[in-house]
Amino acid sequence: MHRAMTRLAQTMAVLGSLVLVFLILMTCVSVTGRELNSFFNADLMQTAAPGLAGFMLGLGVAPITGDFELIENGMAFAIFAFLPLAQMHAAHATVDVFTQRLPDPLLRWMRALTEAVFALVLLVFAARLFDGMQAKMRYNETTYLIQFPVWWAYALALSAAVVAALVGVYMAGLRLAEALTGTDLVPAAEGGDG
């Protein structure tokens, strides 16, 4: 079971990475287009090389229409897509100044409680995204510039949030089992300590 959950979390992280790389490349292209458009529309280029300026502007050198809308929607998916892997490896940032000297049994119970609260929060996020998606579908809401149906973005974020909630519930159960048995089934933290 742990291997399957780890693979699921890794798959979501890869998908989130692909979306993030796409958003980065799109941003670079859009910023370059915006700067080139400004350059070729500048008075200097319009008077010094009007033919070149007109040619380049005629090619459509400009920012990507709706780039902000795509970034906003893609980032929501990417954030939720990385949560399962962070949850599996206990990689969320922690501050353990007060807890580092506590006995292991108490630390196990604290980890179990923390995981349970986090799982509950992830379930609430997923439920609210589902409600939001239904509302966006019901009202046919679209983005302003590219008329992208907003519910599509909610559906993508919801899919990642459901996986995050599933992993969160699994990890809460695992940490509870550790607290009850007094044994570590998986490492308590593999990163994110601070």
C-alpha atoms as a PDB file:
ATOM      1  CA  MET A   1       0.000   0.000   0.000  1.00  0.00           C
ATOM      2  CA  HIS A   2       2.780   2.412   0.919  1.00  0.00           C
ATOM      3  CA  ARG A   3       4.513   1.823  -2.414  1.00  0.00           C
ATOM      4  CA  ALA A   4       1.284   2.495  -4.339  1.00  0.00           C
ATOM      5  CA  MET A   5       0.655   5.719  -2.411  1.00  0.00           C
ATOM      6  CA  THR A   6       4.254   6.811  -2.965  1.00  0.00           C
ATOM      7  CA  ARG A   7       3.932   6.177  -6.710  1.00  0.00           C
ATOM      8  CA  LEU A   8       0.664   8.088  -6.813  1.00  0.00           C
ATOM      9  CA  ALA A   9       2.286  11.022  -5.000  1.00  0.00           C
ATOM     10  CA  GLN A  10       5.290  10.897  -7.324  1.00  0.00           C
ATOM     11  CA  THR A  11       3.048  10.812 -10.393  1.00  0.00           C
ATOM     12  CA  MET A  12       1.170  13.884  -9.189  1.00  0.00           C
ATOM     13  CA  ALA A  13       4.470  15.668  -8.531  1.00  0.00           C
ATOM     14  CA  VAL A  14       5.652  14.869 -12.065  1.00  0.00           C
ATOM     15  CA  LEU A  15       2.377  16.196 -13.502  1.00  0.00           C
ATOM     16  CA  GLY A  16       2.702  19.310 -11.340  1.00  0.00           C
ATOM     17  CA  SER A  17       6.284  19.727 -12.560  1.00  0.00           C
ATOM     18  CA  LEU A  18       5.231  19.460 -16.200  1.00  0.00           C
ATOM     19  CA  VAL A  19       2.543  22.097 -15.683  1.00  0.00           C
ATOM     20  CA  LEU A  20       5.019  24.309 -13.860  1.00  0.00           C
ATOM     21  CA  VAL A  21       7.621  23.978 -16.647  1.00  0.00           C
ATOM     22  CA  PHE A  22       4.934  24.829 -19.219  1.00  0.00           C
ATOM     23  CA  LEU A  23       3.926  27.906 -17.199  1.00  0.00           C
ATOM     24  CA  ILE A  24       7.549  29.032 -16.889  1.00  0.00           C
ATOM     25  CA  LEU A  25       8.184  28.643 -20.626  1.00  0.00           C
ATOM     26  CA  MET A  26       4.908  30.373 -21.461  1.00  0.00           C
ATOM     27  CA  THR A  27       5.820  33.252 -19.138  1.00  0.00           C
ATOM     28  CA  CYS A  28       9.228  33.616 -20.797  1.00  0.00           C
ATOM     29  CA  VAL A  29       7.656  33.666 -24.269  1.00  0.00           C
ATOM     30  CA  SER A  30       4.989  36.120 -23.142  1.00  0.00           C
ATOM     31  CA  VAL A  31       7.433  38.501 -21.452  1.00  0.00           C
ATOM     32  CA  THR A  32       9.713  38.359 -24.496  1.00  0.00           C
ATOM     33  CA  GLY A  33       6.737  39.051 -26.746  1.00  0.00           C
ATOM     34  CA  ARG A  34       5.658  41.950 -24.558  1.00  0.00           C
ATOM     35  CA  GLU A  35       9.136  43.499 -24.607  1.00  0.00           C
ATOM     36  CA  LEU A  36       9.575  43.004 -28.361  1.00  0.00           C
ATOM     37  CA  ASN A  37       6.134  44.477 -29.001  1.00  0.00           C
ATOM     38  CA  SER A  38       7.027  47.532 -26.923  1.00  0.00           C
ATOM     39  CA  PHE A  39      10.381  47.802 -28.713  1.00  0.00           C
ATOM     40  CA  PHE A  40       8.889  47.641 -32.212  1.00  0.00           C
ATOM     41  CA  ASN A  41       6.082  50.051 -31.253  1.00  0.00           C
ATOM     42  CA  ALA A  42       8.540  52.570 -29.796  1.00  0.00           C
ATOM     43  CA  ASP A  43       8.971  55.905 -31.587  1.00  0.00           C
ATOM     44  CA  LEU A  44      12.626  55.103 -32.287  1.00  0.00           C
ATOM     45  CA  MET A  45      11.824  51.927 -34.237  1.00  0.00           C
ATOM     46  CA  GLN A  46       8.782  53.459 -35.915  1.00  0.00           C
ATOM     47  CA  THR A  47      10.940  56.272 -37.316  1.00  0.00           C
ATOM     48  CA  ALA A  48      14.324  54.508 -37.776  1.00  0.00           C
ATOM     49  CA  ALA A  49      13.084  51.209 -39.236  1.00  0.00           C
ATOM     50  CA  PRO A  50       9.364  51.413 -39.902  1.00  0.00           C
ATOM     51  CA  GLY A  51       9.489  48.522 -42.390  1.00  0.00           C
ATOM     52  CA  LEU A  52      11.145  46.142 -39.906  1.00  0.00           C
ATOM     53  CA  ALA A  53       8.884  47.306 -37.089  1.00  0.00           C
ATOM     54  CA  GLY A  54       5.788  46.822 -39.216  1.00  0.00           C
ATOM     55  CA  PHE A  55       6.971  43.412 -40.401  1.00  0.00           C
ATOM     56  CA  MET A  56       7.671  42.166 -36.874  1.00  0.00           C
ATOM     57  CA  LEU A  57       4.408  43.523 -35.518  1.00  0.00           C
ATOM     58  CA  GLY A  58       2.644  41.975 -38.506  1.00  0.00           C
ATOM     59  CA  LEU A  59       4.063  38.592 -37.466  1.00  0.00           C
ATOM     60  CA  GLY A  60       2.137  38.963 -34.242  1.00  0.00           C
ATOM     61  CA  VAL A  61       5.038  39.684 -31.896  1.00  0.00           C
ATOM     62  CA  ALA A  62       3.143  40.322 -28.678  1.00  0.00           C
ATOM     63  CA  PRO A  63       2.514  38.851 -25.254  1.00  0.00           C
ATOM     64  CA  ILE A  64       0.444  35.697 -25.041  1.00  0.00           C
ATOM     65  CA  THR A  65      -3.182  36.651 -24.623  1.00  0.00           C
ATOM     66  CA  GLY A  66      -4.508  35.421 -21.299  1.00  0.00           C
ATOM     67  CA  ASP A  67      -1.108  34.493 -19.897  1.00  0.00           C
ATOM     68  CA  PHE A  68      -2.113  35.664 -16.430  1.00  0.00           C
ATOM     69  CA  GLU A  69      -5.300  33.598 -16.577  1.00  0.00           C
ATOM     70  CA  LEU A  70      -3.382  30.461 -17.570  1.00  0.00           C
ATOM     71  CA  ILE A  71      -0.760  31.025 -14.873  1.00  0.00           C
ATOM     72  CA  GLU A  72      -3.389  31.568 -12.203  1.00  0.00           C
ATOM     73  CA  ASN A  73      -5.227  28.384 -13.104  1.00  0.00           C
ATOM     74  CA  GLY A  74      -2.141  26.261 -13.715  1.00  0.00           C
ATOM     75  CA  MET A  75      -0.522  27.252 -10.429  1.00  0.00           C
ATOM     76  CA  ALA A  76      -3.529  26.057  -8.450  1.00  0.00           C
ATOM     77  CA  PHE A  77      -3.110  22.594  -9.969  1.00  0.00           C
ATOM     78  CA  ALA A  78       0.668  22.595  -9.471  1.00  0.00           C
ATOM     79  CA  ILE A  79       0.406  23.522  -5.791  1.00  0.00           C
ATOM     80  CA  PHE A  80      -2.068  20.757  -5.042  1.00  0.00           C
ATOM     81  CA  ALA A  81      -0.061  18.315  -7.198  1.00  0.00           C
ATOM     82  CA  PHE A  82       3.047  18.748  -5.023  1.00  0.00           C
ATOM     83  CA  LEU A  83       1.239  18.322  -1.699  1.00  0.00           C
ATOM     84  CA  PRO A  84       0.958  14.494  -1.784  1.00  0.00           C
ATOM     85  CA  LEU A  85       4.705  13.965  -2.204  1.00  0.00           C
ATOM     86  CA  ALA A  86       5.485  16.476   0.526  1.00  0.00           C
ATOM     87  CA  GLN A  87       2.985  14.677   2.750  1.00  0.00           C
ATOM     88  CA  MET A  88       4.465  11.241   2.018  1.00  0.00           C
ATOM     89  CA  HIS A  89       7.961  12.374   2.959  1.00  0.00           C
ATOM     90  CA  ALA A  90       6.982  14.653   5.852  1.00  0.00           C
ATOM     91  CA  ALA A  91       8.673  17.443   3.917  1.00  0.00           C
ATOM     92  CA  HIS A  92       6.522  20.306   5.149  1.00  0.00           C
ATOM     93  CA  ALA A  93       8.417  22.944   7.058  1.00  0.00           C
ATOM     94  CA  THR A  94       8.427  22.344  10.786  1.00  0.00           C
ATOM     95  CA  VAL A  95       9.645  24.241  13.798  1.00  0.00           C
ATOM     96  CA  ASP A  96      10.741  21.725  16.388  1.00  0.00           C
ATOM     97  CA  VAL A  97      12.528  23.937  18.918  1.00  0.00           C
ATOM     98  CA  PHE A  98      10.124  22.925  21.687  1.00  0.00           C
ATOM     99  CA  THR A  99       9.501  19.342  20.638  1.00  0.00           C
ATOM    100  CA  GLN A 100      12.986  18.034  19.810  1.00  0.00           C
ATOM    101  CA  ARG A 101      13.612  16.848  23.370  1.00  0.00           C
ATOM    102  CA  LEU A 102      10.223  15.224  23.930  1.00  0.00           C
ATOM    103  CA  PRO A 103      10.064  11.436  24.369  1.00  0.00           C
ATOM    104  CA  ASP A 104       9.426   9.343  21.242  1.00  0.00           C
ATOM    105  CA  PRO A 105       5.946   8.127  22.260  1.00  0.00           C
ATOM    106  CA  LEU A 106       4.735  11.691  22.730  1.00  0.00           C
ATOM    107  CA  LEU A 107       6.314  12.737  19.409  1.00  0.00           C
ATOM    108  CA  ARG A 108       4.512   9.878  17.647  1.00  0.00           C
ATOM    109  CA  TRP A 109       1.170  11.037  19.050  1.00  0.00           C
ATOM    110  CA  MET A 110       1.912  14.630  18.061  1.00  0.00           C
ATOM    111  CA  ARG A 111       2.772  13.491  14.513  1.00  0.00           C
ATOM    112  CA  ALA A 112      -0.450  11.477  14.373  1.00  0.00           C
ATOM    113  CA  LEU A 113      -2.489  14.490  15.520  1.00  0.00           C
ATOM    114  CA  THR A 114      -0.731  16.791  13.048  1.00  0.00           C
ATOM    115  CA  GLU A 115      -1.301  14.368  10.178  1.00  0.00           C
ATOM    116  CA  ALA A 116      -4.970  13.981  11.140  1.00  0.00           C
ATOM    117  CA  VAL A 117      -5.499  17.753  11.179  1.00  0.00           C
ATOM    118  CA  PHE A 118      -3.694  18.120   7.874  1.00  0.00           C
ATOM    119  CA  ALA A 119      -5.798  15.325   6.340  1.00  0.00           C
ATOM    120  CA  LEU A 120      -8.943  17.068   7.549  1.00  0.00           C
ATOM    121  CA  VAL A 121      -7.809  20.361   6.021  1.00  0.00           C
ATOM    122  CA  LEU A 122      -7.076  18.628   2.705  1.00  0.00           C
ATOM    123  CA  LEU A 123     -10.520  17.022   2.747  1.00  0.00           C
ATOM    124  CA  VAL A 124     -12.095  20.431   3.354  1.00  0.00           C
ATOM    125  CA  PHE A 125     -10.059  21.918   0.464  1.00  0.00           C
ATOM    126  CA  ALA A 126     -11.237  19.138  -1.844  1.00  0.00           C
ATOM    127  CA  ALA A 127     -14.863  19.588  -0.767  1.00  0.00           C
ATOM    128  CA  ARG A 128     -14.717  23.364  -1.272  1.00  0.00           C
ATOM    129  CA  LEU A 129     -13.081  22.955  -4.689  1.00  0.00           C
ATOM    130  CA  PHE A 130     -15.854  20.547  -5.644  1.00  0.00           C
ATOM    131  CA  ASP A 131     -18.496  23.071  -4.544  1.00  0.00           C
ATOM    132  CA  GLY A 132     -16.678  25.840  -6.412  1.00  0.00           C
ATOM    133  CA  MET A 133     -16.415  23.721  -9.549  1.00  0.00           C
ATOM    134  CA  GLN A 134     -20.134  23.009  -9.480  1.00  0.00           C
ATOM    135  CA  ALA A 135     -20.914  26.712  -9.097  1.00  0.00           C
ATOM    136  CA  LYS A 136     -18.620  27.632 -12.009  1.00  0.00           C
ATOM    137  CA  MET A 137     -20.267  24.945 -14.165  1.00  0.00           C
ATOM    138  CA  ARG A 138     -23.756  26.081 -13.194  1.00  0.00           C
ATOM    139  CA  TYR A 139     -23.088  29.710 -14.143  1.00  0.00           C
ATOM    140  CA  ASN A 140     -20.893  28.944 -17.189  1.00  0.00           C
ATOM    141  CA  GLU A 141     -18.232  31.300 -15.863  1.00  0.00           C
ATOM    142  CA  THR A 142     -15.261  31.925 -18.155  1.00  0.00           C
ATOM    143  CA  THR A 143     -12.023  33.860 -17.874  1.00  0.00           C
ATOM    144  CA  TYR A 144     -12.087  37.422 -19.154  1.00  0.00           C
ATOM    145  CA  LEU A 145      -9.573  37.349 -22.006  1.00  0.00           C
ATOM    146  CA  ILE A 146      -9.509  33.859 -23.477  1.00  0.00           C
ATOM    147  CA  GLN A 147     -12.985  32.780 -22.389  1.00  0.00           C
ATOM    148  CA  PHE A 148     -11.543  29.633 -20.787  1.00  0.00           C
ATOM    149  CA  PRO A 149     -14.247  27.811 -18.760  1.00  0.00           C
ATOM    150  CA  VAL A 150     -13.208  28.385 -15.144  1.00  0.00           C
ATOM    151  CA  TRP A 151     -14.627  25.053 -14.026  1.00  0.00           C
ATOM    152  CA  TRP A 152     -11.898  23.250 -16.028  1.00  0.00           C
ATOM    153  CA  ALA A 153      -9.271  24.796 -13.762  1.00  0.00           C
ATOM    154  CA  TYR A 154     -11.324  23.863 -10.709  1.00  0.00           C
ATOM    155  CA  ALA A 155     -11.585  20.282 -11.996  1.00  0.00           C
ATOM    156  CA  LEU A 156      -7.810  20.031 -12.428  1.00  0.00           C
ATOM    157  CA  ALA A 157      -7.131  21.486  -8.991  1.00  0.00           C
ATOM    158  CA  LEU A 158      -9.813  19.218  -7.536  1.00  0.00           C
ATOM    159  CA  SER A 159      -8.207  16.113  -9.014  1.00  0.00           C
ATOM    160  CA  ALA A 160      -4.889  17.023  -7.396  1.00  0.00           C
ATOM    161  CA  ALA A 161      -6.615  17.982  -4.130  1.00  0.00           C
ATOM    162  CA  VAL A 162      -8.425  14.630  -4.000  1.00  0.00           C
ATOM    163  CA  VAL A 163      -5.106  12.802  -4.369  1.00  0.00           C
ATOM    164  CA  ALA A 164      -3.592  15.060  -1.694  1.00  0.00           C
ATOM    165  CA  ALA A 165      -6.518  14.310   0.633  1.00  0.00           C
ATOM    166  CA  LEU A 166      -6.225  10.581  -0.062  1.00  0.00           C
ATOM    167  CA  VAL A 167      -2.525  10.625   0.753  1.00  0.00           C
ATOM    168  CA  GLY A 168      -3.219  12.803   3.803  1.00  0.00           C
ATOM    169  CA  VAL A 169      -5.776  10.326   5.170  1.00  0.00           C
ATOM    170  CA  TYR A 170      -3.392   7.430   4.469  1.00  0.00           C
ATOM    171  CA  MET A 171      -0.528   9.176   6.282  1.00  0.00           C
ATOM    172  CA  ALA A 172      -2.792  10.055   9.214  1.00  0.00           C
ATOM    173  CA  GLY A 173      -3.741   6.373   9.524  1.00  0.00           C
ATOM    174  CA  LEU A 174      -0.095   5.352   9.263  1.00  0.00           C
ATOM    175  CA  ARG A 175       0.994   7.823  11.948  1.00  0.00           C
ATOM    176  CA  LEU A 176      -1.866   6.676  14.187  1.00  0.00           C
ATOM    177  CA  ALA A 177      -0.695   3.087  13.758  1.00  0.00           C
ATOM    178  CA  GLU A 178       2.811   4.206  14.705  1.00  0.00           C
ATOM    179  CA  ALA A 179       1.519   5.931  17.837  1.00  0.00           C
ATOM    180  CA  LEU A 180      -0.532   2.895  18.845  1.00  0.00           C
ATOM    181  CA  THR A 181       2.243   0.352  18.241  1.00  0.00           C
ATOM    182  CA  GLY A 182       5.153   2.514  19.383  1.00  0.00           C
ATOM    183  CA  THR A 183       7.141   1.741  16.229  1.00  0.00           C
ATOM    184  CA  ASP A 184       8.166   3.892  13.283  1.00  0.00           C
ATOM    185  CA  LEU A 185       6.692   2.488  10.079  1.00  0.00           C
ATOM    186  CA  VAL A 186       8.131   5.245   7.870  1.00  0.00           C
ATOM    187  CA  PRO A 187      10.682   7.972   8.619  1.00  0.00           C
ATOM    188  CA  ALA A 188       9.234  10.775  10.738  1.00  0.00           C
ATOM    189  CA  ALA A 189      10.774  13.431   8.495  1.00  0.00           C
ATOM    190  CA  GLU A 190      12.927  13.268   5.406  1.00  0.00           C
ATOM    191  CA  GLY A 191      13.218  16.993   4.880  1.00  0.00           C
ATOM    192  CA  GLY A 192      11.668  20.349   5.498  1.00  0.00           C
ATOM    193  CA  ASP A 193      12.966  20.724   9.038  1.00  0.00           C
ATOM    194  CA  GLY A 194      13.573  24.319   9.935  1.00  0.00           C
END
